[in-house]
N, C-alpha and C. Protein backbone atom coordinates (compact mmCIF):
# COMPACT_ATOMS: atom_id res chain seq x y z
N MET A 1 1.94 4.19 -25.49
CA MET A 1 2.13 3.07 -24.61
C MET A 1 3.11 2.05 -25.32
N ALA A 2 3.88 1.45 -24.40
CA ALA A 2 4.98 0.50 -24.99
C ALA A 2 4.16 -0.84 -25.39
N ARG A 3 4.67 -1.39 -26.43
CA ARG A 3 4.15 -2.56 -26.98
C ARG A 3 4.35 -3.77 -26.00
N ARG A 4 3.32 -4.47 -25.77
CA ARG A 4 3.45 -5.73 -24.90
C ARG A 4 3.57 -6.92 -25.71
N LYS A 5 4.73 -7.56 -25.61
CA LYS A 5 4.92 -8.75 -26.54
C LYS A 5 4.45 -10.00 -25.83
N LEU A 6 3.92 -10.92 -26.57
CA LEU A 6 3.51 -12.25 -26.02
C LEU A 6 4.50 -13.32 -26.64
N SER A 7 4.51 -14.49 -25.91
CA SER A 7 5.32 -15.50 -26.34
C SER A 7 4.67 -16.31 -27.47
N HIS A 8 5.45 -17.09 -28.16
CA HIS A 8 4.97 -18.03 -29.10
C HIS A 8 4.34 -19.25 -28.25
N GLU A 9 3.32 -19.71 -28.74
CA GLU A 9 2.60 -20.81 -28.04
C GLU A 9 2.24 -20.52 -26.59
N GLY A 10 1.89 -21.45 -25.75
CA GLY A 10 1.43 -21.21 -24.47
C GLY A 10 0.00 -20.76 -24.38
N THR A 11 -0.34 -19.89 -23.32
CA THR A 11 -1.67 -19.68 -23.02
C THR A 11 -1.91 -18.19 -22.69
N LEU A 12 -3.01 -17.62 -23.05
CA LEU A 12 -3.27 -16.28 -22.58
C LEU A 12 -4.61 -16.44 -21.92
N VAL A 13 -4.63 -16.05 -20.52
CA VAL A 13 -5.70 -16.16 -19.63
C VAL A 13 -6.41 -14.76 -19.50
N LEU A 14 -7.72 -14.65 -19.65
CA LEU A 14 -8.35 -13.35 -19.29
C LEU A 14 -8.99 -13.40 -17.95
N ASP A 15 -8.95 -12.28 -17.11
CA ASP A 15 -9.67 -12.25 -15.91
C ASP A 15 -11.02 -11.56 -16.29
N GLY A 16 -11.81 -11.12 -15.26
CA GLY A 16 -12.96 -10.49 -15.46
C GLY A 16 -12.86 -9.21 -16.24
N GLU A 17 -11.86 -8.38 -15.94
CA GLU A 17 -11.76 -7.20 -16.70
C GLU A 17 -11.29 -7.44 -18.12
N GLY A 18 -10.40 -8.38 -18.29
CA GLY A 18 -9.97 -8.82 -19.64
C GLY A 18 -11.07 -9.21 -20.53
N LEU A 19 -12.03 -10.00 -19.90
CA LEU A 19 -13.28 -10.44 -20.66
C LEU A 19 -14.13 -9.20 -20.91
N SER A 20 -14.33 -8.34 -19.99
CA SER A 20 -15.24 -7.20 -20.07
C SER A 20 -14.76 -6.32 -21.24
N LYS A 21 -13.33 -6.06 -21.28
CA LYS A 21 -12.72 -5.17 -22.17
C LYS A 21 -12.85 -5.86 -23.68
N LEU A 22 -12.72 -7.10 -23.70
CA LEU A 22 -12.93 -7.86 -24.97
C LEU A 22 -14.27 -7.71 -25.47
N LEU A 23 -15.31 -7.86 -24.45
CA LEU A 23 -16.72 -7.63 -24.87
C LEU A 23 -16.91 -6.26 -25.35
N ASP A 24 -16.26 -5.31 -24.89
CA ASP A 24 -16.40 -3.83 -25.25
C ASP A 24 -15.61 -3.49 -26.41
N ASP A 25 -14.86 -4.39 -27.00
CA ASP A 25 -14.05 -4.03 -28.11
C ASP A 25 -12.93 -3.21 -27.82
N ASP A 26 -12.28 -3.25 -26.62
CA ASP A 26 -11.26 -2.43 -26.25
C ASP A 26 -10.01 -2.74 -27.12
N GLU A 27 -9.49 -1.67 -27.79
CA GLU A 27 -8.47 -1.82 -28.83
C GLU A 27 -7.23 -2.56 -28.32
N THR A 28 -6.74 -2.28 -27.11
CA THR A 28 -5.65 -2.99 -26.64
C THR A 28 -5.89 -4.35 -26.34
N VAL A 29 -6.90 -4.77 -25.78
CA VAL A 29 -7.29 -6.11 -25.38
C VAL A 29 -7.55 -6.92 -26.70
N VAL A 30 -8.22 -6.42 -27.60
CA VAL A 30 -8.58 -7.06 -28.94
C VAL A 30 -7.21 -7.36 -29.54
N ALA A 31 -6.29 -6.35 -29.62
CA ALA A 31 -4.98 -6.58 -30.26
C ALA A 31 -4.24 -7.67 -29.52
N LEU A 32 -4.30 -7.67 -28.22
CA LEU A 32 -3.45 -8.73 -27.52
C LEU A 32 -4.07 -10.05 -27.81
N VAL A 33 -5.30 -10.26 -27.85
CA VAL A 33 -5.91 -11.54 -28.06
C VAL A 33 -5.61 -11.98 -29.50
N MET A 34 -5.78 -10.99 -30.46
CA MET A 34 -5.42 -11.32 -31.79
C MET A 34 -3.86 -11.80 -31.92
N GLU A 35 -3.02 -10.99 -31.25
CA GLU A 35 -1.64 -11.33 -31.21
C GLU A 35 -1.32 -12.79 -30.66
N ALA A 36 -2.10 -13.09 -29.56
CA ALA A 36 -1.84 -14.40 -28.84
C ALA A 36 -2.29 -15.50 -29.85
N ARG A 37 -3.44 -15.32 -30.52
CA ARG A 37 -3.90 -16.36 -31.40
C ARG A 37 -2.91 -16.50 -32.57
N SER A 38 -2.40 -15.42 -33.10
CA SER A 38 -1.49 -15.54 -34.25
C SER A 38 -0.13 -16.15 -33.86
N ARG A 39 0.11 -16.18 -32.62
CA ARG A 39 1.35 -16.87 -32.09
C ARG A 39 1.02 -18.32 -31.66
N GLY A 40 -0.10 -18.72 -31.86
CA GLY A 40 -0.42 -20.13 -31.46
C GLY A 40 -0.79 -20.29 -30.04
N MET A 41 -1.02 -19.23 -29.44
CA MET A 41 -1.43 -19.36 -27.98
C MET A 41 -2.99 -19.65 -27.89
N GLU A 42 -3.31 -20.43 -26.92
CA GLU A 42 -4.69 -20.67 -26.58
C GLU A 42 -5.19 -19.53 -25.70
N VAL A 43 -6.40 -19.10 -25.94
CA VAL A 43 -7.08 -18.01 -25.08
C VAL A 43 -8.06 -18.63 -24.24
N VAL A 44 -8.02 -18.54 -22.92
CA VAL A 44 -9.00 -19.22 -21.96
C VAL A 44 -9.31 -18.23 -20.89
N ILE A 45 -10.56 -18.62 -20.38
CA ILE A 45 -11.08 -17.96 -19.19
C ILE A 45 -11.61 -19.08 -18.26
N CYS A 46 -11.70 -18.59 -16.96
CA CYS A 46 -12.30 -19.43 -16.04
C CYS A 46 -13.86 -19.36 -16.08
N ALA A 47 -14.66 -20.31 -15.92
CA ALA A 47 -16.06 -20.34 -15.99
C ALA A 47 -16.67 -19.29 -15.05
N LEU A 48 -16.00 -19.13 -13.99
CA LEU A 48 -16.54 -18.10 -12.96
C LEU A 48 -16.25 -16.76 -13.45
N THR A 49 -15.36 -16.43 -14.37
CA THR A 49 -15.15 -15.16 -14.82
C THR A 49 -16.33 -14.62 -15.58
N VAL A 50 -17.13 -15.52 -16.20
CA VAL A 50 -18.31 -15.06 -16.93
C VAL A 50 -19.27 -14.39 -15.93
N ILE A 51 -19.37 -14.96 -14.72
CA ILE A 51 -20.32 -14.49 -13.74
C ILE A 51 -19.88 -13.06 -13.33
N GLY A 52 -18.70 -12.80 -13.18
CA GLY A 52 -18.10 -11.48 -12.77
C GLY A 52 -18.26 -10.33 -13.97
N ALA A 53 -18.16 -10.81 -15.08
CA ALA A 53 -18.17 -9.91 -16.16
C ALA A 53 -19.52 -9.60 -16.80
N VAL A 54 -20.46 -10.28 -16.42
CA VAL A 54 -21.82 -10.09 -17.02
C VAL A 54 -22.72 -9.23 -16.12
N HIS A 55 -23.47 -8.12 -16.76
CA HIS A 55 -24.25 -7.37 -16.06
C HIS A 55 -25.62 -7.10 -16.75
N ALA A 56 -26.45 -6.32 -16.38
CA ALA A 56 -27.77 -6.18 -16.98
C ALA A 56 -27.70 -5.62 -18.39
N ARG A 57 -26.66 -4.86 -18.67
CA ARG A 57 -26.60 -4.29 -19.96
C ARG A 57 -25.63 -5.06 -21.01
N THR A 58 -25.26 -6.22 -20.57
CA THR A 58 -24.36 -7.07 -21.40
C THR A 58 -25.20 -7.57 -22.55
N ASN A 59 -24.59 -7.40 -23.77
CA ASN A 59 -25.27 -7.95 -24.99
C ASN A 59 -25.00 -9.32 -24.92
N ARG A 60 -25.93 -10.12 -24.73
CA ARG A 60 -25.81 -11.57 -24.63
C ARG A 60 -25.43 -12.31 -25.97
N ALA A 61 -25.90 -11.77 -27.09
CA ALA A 61 -25.38 -12.33 -28.35
C ALA A 61 -23.96 -12.12 -28.49
N ARG A 62 -23.44 -10.95 -28.12
CA ARG A 62 -22.05 -10.70 -28.27
C ARG A 62 -21.25 -11.59 -27.26
N LEU A 63 -21.75 -11.68 -26.02
CA LEU A 63 -21.07 -12.44 -25.05
C LEU A 63 -20.97 -13.89 -25.55
N ASN A 64 -22.03 -14.45 -26.11
CA ASN A 64 -22.06 -15.85 -26.63
C ASN A 64 -21.02 -16.01 -27.77
N TRP A 65 -20.98 -14.96 -28.60
CA TRP A 65 -20.08 -14.99 -29.83
C TRP A 65 -18.58 -14.97 -29.30
N VAL A 66 -18.27 -14.08 -28.32
CA VAL A 66 -16.90 -13.93 -27.81
C VAL A 66 -16.64 -15.23 -27.02
N LEU A 67 -17.51 -15.78 -26.24
CA LEU A 67 -17.27 -17.06 -25.56
C LEU A 67 -16.93 -18.24 -26.37
N SER A 68 -17.58 -18.18 -27.63
CA SER A 68 -17.43 -19.32 -28.55
C SER A 68 -15.99 -19.35 -29.17
N GLY A 69 -15.20 -18.27 -28.96
CA GLY A 69 -13.84 -18.19 -29.44
C GLY A 69 -12.85 -18.43 -28.40
N LEU A 70 -13.32 -18.73 -27.18
CA LEU A 70 -12.36 -18.88 -25.94
C LEU A 70 -12.62 -20.31 -25.46
N ARG A 71 -11.68 -20.83 -24.72
CA ARG A 71 -11.81 -22.14 -24.01
C ARG A 71 -12.24 -21.70 -22.64
N VAL A 72 -13.49 -22.01 -22.22
CA VAL A 72 -14.03 -21.76 -20.88
C VAL A 72 -13.66 -23.06 -20.01
N VAL A 73 -12.81 -22.77 -18.98
CA VAL A 73 -12.42 -23.84 -18.15
C VAL A 73 -13.34 -23.91 -16.94
N PRO A 74 -14.05 -25.16 -16.76
CA PRO A 74 -14.87 -25.32 -15.63
C PRO A 74 -14.16 -25.39 -14.19
N VAL A 75 -14.95 -25.07 -13.21
CA VAL A 75 -14.33 -25.18 -11.91
C VAL A 75 -15.13 -26.23 -11.11
N GLY A 76 -14.46 -27.25 -10.78
CA GLY A 76 -15.04 -28.45 -10.05
C GLY A 76 -14.37 -28.46 -8.82
N ASP A 77 -14.78 -29.48 -7.98
CA ASP A 77 -14.28 -29.72 -6.65
C ASP A 77 -12.72 -29.66 -6.54
N GLU A 78 -11.97 -30.27 -7.33
CA GLU A 78 -10.55 -30.20 -7.34
C GLU A 78 -10.01 -28.86 -7.53
N GLU A 79 -10.59 -28.16 -8.47
CA GLU A 79 -10.12 -26.85 -8.82
C GLU A 79 -10.40 -25.90 -7.63
N ALA A 80 -11.61 -26.05 -7.03
CA ALA A 80 -12.04 -25.18 -5.85
C ALA A 80 -11.08 -25.36 -4.72
N ARG A 81 -10.73 -26.74 -4.45
CA ARG A 81 -9.75 -26.91 -3.30
C ARG A 81 -8.49 -26.33 -3.59
N ALA A 82 -8.02 -26.46 -4.90
CA ALA A 82 -6.67 -25.88 -5.20
C ALA A 82 -6.74 -24.36 -5.03
N ALA A 83 -7.84 -23.75 -5.52
CA ALA A 83 -7.92 -22.33 -5.45
C ALA A 83 -8.01 -21.85 -3.90
N SER A 84 -8.66 -22.62 -3.07
CA SER A 84 -8.69 -22.37 -1.67
C SER A 84 -7.32 -22.35 -1.10
N SER A 85 -6.58 -23.31 -1.57
CA SER A 85 -5.19 -23.50 -1.03
C SER A 85 -4.29 -22.14 -1.41
N LEU A 86 -4.56 -21.75 -2.69
CA LEU A 86 -3.88 -20.58 -3.15
C LEU A 86 -4.10 -19.38 -2.24
N LEU A 87 -5.45 -19.23 -1.94
CA LEU A 87 -5.87 -18.06 -1.01
C LEU A 87 -5.18 -18.14 0.40
N VAL A 88 -5.16 -19.41 0.97
CA VAL A 88 -4.39 -19.48 2.23
C VAL A 88 -2.96 -19.19 2.03
N ASP A 89 -2.25 -19.78 1.00
CA ASP A 89 -0.91 -19.49 0.90
C ASP A 89 -0.60 -18.00 0.69
N ALA A 90 -1.52 -17.29 0.01
CA ALA A 90 -1.35 -15.82 -0.28
C ALA A 90 -1.68 -15.04 0.95
N GLY A 91 -2.32 -15.59 1.99
CA GLY A 91 -2.76 -14.79 3.09
C GLY A 91 -4.09 -14.04 2.78
N LEU A 92 -4.86 -14.50 1.81
CA LEU A 92 -6.12 -13.83 1.56
C LEU A 92 -7.28 -14.78 1.90
N HIS A 93 -8.44 -14.28 1.93
CA HIS A 93 -9.63 -15.10 2.27
C HIS A 93 -10.93 -14.21 1.90
N GLY A 94 -11.96 -14.99 1.83
CA GLY A 94 -13.24 -14.32 1.61
C GLY A 94 -13.67 -14.32 0.13
N HIS A 95 -14.96 -13.83 0.04
CA HIS A 95 -15.59 -13.79 -1.31
C HIS A 95 -14.91 -12.85 -2.20
N LYS A 96 -14.33 -11.73 -1.71
CA LYS A 96 -13.59 -10.72 -2.49
C LYS A 96 -12.56 -11.32 -3.39
N TYR A 97 -11.93 -12.39 -3.02
CA TYR A 97 -10.78 -13.02 -3.67
C TYR A 97 -11.16 -14.33 -4.36
N ALA A 98 -12.30 -14.78 -4.14
CA ALA A 98 -12.77 -16.15 -4.56
C ALA A 98 -12.57 -16.41 -6.09
N ILE A 99 -13.10 -15.48 -6.83
CA ILE A 99 -12.96 -15.64 -8.29
C ILE A 99 -11.55 -15.46 -8.72
N ASP A 100 -10.82 -14.42 -8.20
CA ASP A 100 -9.41 -14.32 -8.57
C ASP A 100 -8.72 -15.59 -8.24
N ALA A 101 -8.93 -16.21 -7.16
CA ALA A 101 -8.20 -17.49 -6.83
C ALA A 101 -8.54 -18.60 -7.75
N ALA A 102 -9.75 -18.71 -8.20
CA ALA A 102 -10.09 -19.76 -9.30
C ALA A 102 -9.44 -19.38 -10.55
N VAL A 103 -9.35 -18.09 -10.97
CA VAL A 103 -8.75 -17.68 -12.28
C VAL A 103 -7.24 -18.02 -12.11
N ALA A 104 -6.63 -17.73 -10.99
CA ALA A 104 -5.23 -17.91 -10.85
C ALA A 104 -4.95 -19.37 -10.92
N GLU A 105 -5.75 -20.22 -10.21
CA GLU A 105 -5.65 -21.70 -10.16
C GLU A 105 -5.70 -22.26 -11.62
N ILE A 106 -6.57 -21.67 -12.40
CA ILE A 106 -6.73 -22.23 -13.80
C ILE A 106 -5.41 -21.79 -14.54
N ALA A 107 -4.93 -20.55 -14.41
CA ALA A 107 -3.82 -20.02 -15.17
C ALA A 107 -2.62 -20.94 -14.77
N LEU A 108 -2.50 -21.40 -13.58
CA LEU A 108 -1.32 -22.07 -13.14
C LEU A 108 -1.31 -23.47 -13.78
N ARG A 109 -2.48 -23.97 -14.22
CA ARG A 109 -2.48 -25.40 -14.87
C ARG A 109 -2.41 -25.35 -16.39
N GLN A 110 -2.27 -24.08 -17.06
CA GLN A 110 -2.27 -24.05 -18.51
C GLN A 110 -0.84 -24.37 -18.95
N GLN A 111 -0.83 -24.57 -20.33
CA GLN A 111 0.43 -24.81 -21.11
C GLN A 111 1.28 -23.57 -20.88
N ARG A 112 2.51 -23.79 -20.57
CA ARG A 112 3.45 -22.58 -20.35
C ARG A 112 4.03 -22.18 -21.82
N PRO A 113 4.47 -20.98 -21.83
CA PRO A 113 4.21 -19.86 -20.87
C PRO A 113 2.78 -19.43 -20.88
N VAL A 114 2.54 -18.85 -19.68
CA VAL A 114 1.27 -18.37 -19.36
C VAL A 114 1.30 -16.88 -19.16
N ALA A 115 0.37 -16.13 -19.89
CA ALA A 115 0.32 -14.66 -19.65
C ALA A 115 -1.19 -14.34 -19.30
N MET A 116 -1.43 -13.46 -18.48
CA MET A 116 -2.76 -13.20 -17.89
C MET A 116 -3.15 -11.56 -18.08
N LEU A 117 -4.21 -11.32 -18.88
CA LEU A 117 -4.77 -9.94 -18.85
C LEU A 117 -5.48 -9.65 -17.61
N THR A 118 -5.08 -8.84 -16.76
CA THR A 118 -5.77 -8.57 -15.51
C THR A 118 -5.82 -7.17 -15.15
N SER A 119 -6.89 -6.83 -14.32
CA SER A 119 -6.91 -5.39 -13.69
C SER A 119 -6.33 -5.44 -12.41
N ASP A 120 -6.06 -6.60 -11.93
CA ASP A 120 -5.71 -6.77 -10.37
C ASP A 120 -4.37 -7.43 -10.19
N VAL A 121 -3.25 -6.63 -10.71
CA VAL A 121 -1.93 -7.18 -10.72
C VAL A 121 -1.43 -7.56 -9.28
N ASP A 122 -1.74 -6.72 -8.33
CA ASP A 122 -1.28 -6.89 -6.98
C ASP A 122 -1.79 -8.30 -6.44
N ASP A 123 -3.11 -8.50 -6.46
CA ASP A 123 -3.68 -9.80 -5.95
C ASP A 123 -3.27 -10.99 -6.80
N MET A 124 -3.23 -10.84 -8.14
CA MET A 124 -2.70 -11.96 -8.95
C MET A 124 -1.36 -12.22 -8.75
N THR A 125 -0.46 -11.16 -8.36
CA THR A 125 0.88 -11.51 -8.12
C THR A 125 0.96 -12.29 -6.73
N LYS A 126 0.21 -12.01 -5.80
CA LYS A 126 0.07 -12.92 -4.55
C LYS A 126 -0.34 -14.25 -4.84
N LEU A 127 -1.31 -14.44 -5.81
CA LEU A 127 -1.78 -15.76 -6.00
C LEU A 127 -0.96 -16.61 -6.94
N CYS A 128 -0.42 -15.96 -8.03
CA CYS A 128 0.38 -16.74 -8.98
C CYS A 128 1.89 -16.59 -8.88
N GLY A 129 2.46 -15.75 -8.09
CA GLY A 129 3.80 -15.51 -8.02
C GLY A 129 4.30 -15.16 -9.20
N THR A 130 5.56 -15.62 -9.61
CA THR A 130 6.15 -15.29 -10.98
C THR A 130 5.92 -16.38 -12.00
N ARG A 131 4.97 -17.38 -11.63
CA ARG A 131 4.71 -18.43 -12.64
C ARG A 131 3.82 -17.95 -13.77
N VAL A 132 3.21 -16.80 -13.67
CA VAL A 132 2.23 -16.29 -14.67
C VAL A 132 2.61 -14.80 -14.98
N ARG A 133 2.85 -14.64 -16.27
CA ARG A 133 3.17 -13.20 -16.64
C ARG A 133 1.89 -12.33 -16.57
N LEU A 134 1.84 -11.24 -15.77
CA LEU A 134 0.63 -10.47 -15.63
C LEU A 134 0.77 -9.28 -16.54
N ILE A 135 -0.27 -8.97 -17.24
CA ILE A 135 -0.33 -7.88 -18.16
C ILE A 135 -1.59 -6.99 -17.69
N ALA A 136 -1.24 -5.79 -17.29
CA ALA A 136 -2.32 -4.90 -16.69
C ALA A 136 -3.20 -4.39 -17.84
N VAL A 137 -4.56 -4.43 -17.62
CA VAL A 137 -5.48 -3.92 -18.56
C VAL A 137 -6.38 -3.06 -17.81
């Protein structure tokens, strides 16, 4: 697999799959997060991402440890309205895209350059355009 380079400084955003793979110690995701940190990038997730990534078999102690090393960005009224606007602008709607829209909205507000680890490049492209570098995981 080709090496995926990250920028110096800026922000790395994890979507639900990025968080799930980090929780599972996925080699590629762990390496990308470590590289981001070594380059001075902040690693962030949307608070709603936690909801989508947790299931009955999630090791809660591991989850808490991983989250302690990330900045978890809350979603309030202002963020929800902005995420709703992103959905409308992208021609998407419904609960299927709600968390993706919140993640995209948060990514768009971070220090540039912004990269996102995502399993849903197509939808995130619709939501973020070219303003966020998407890295498929």
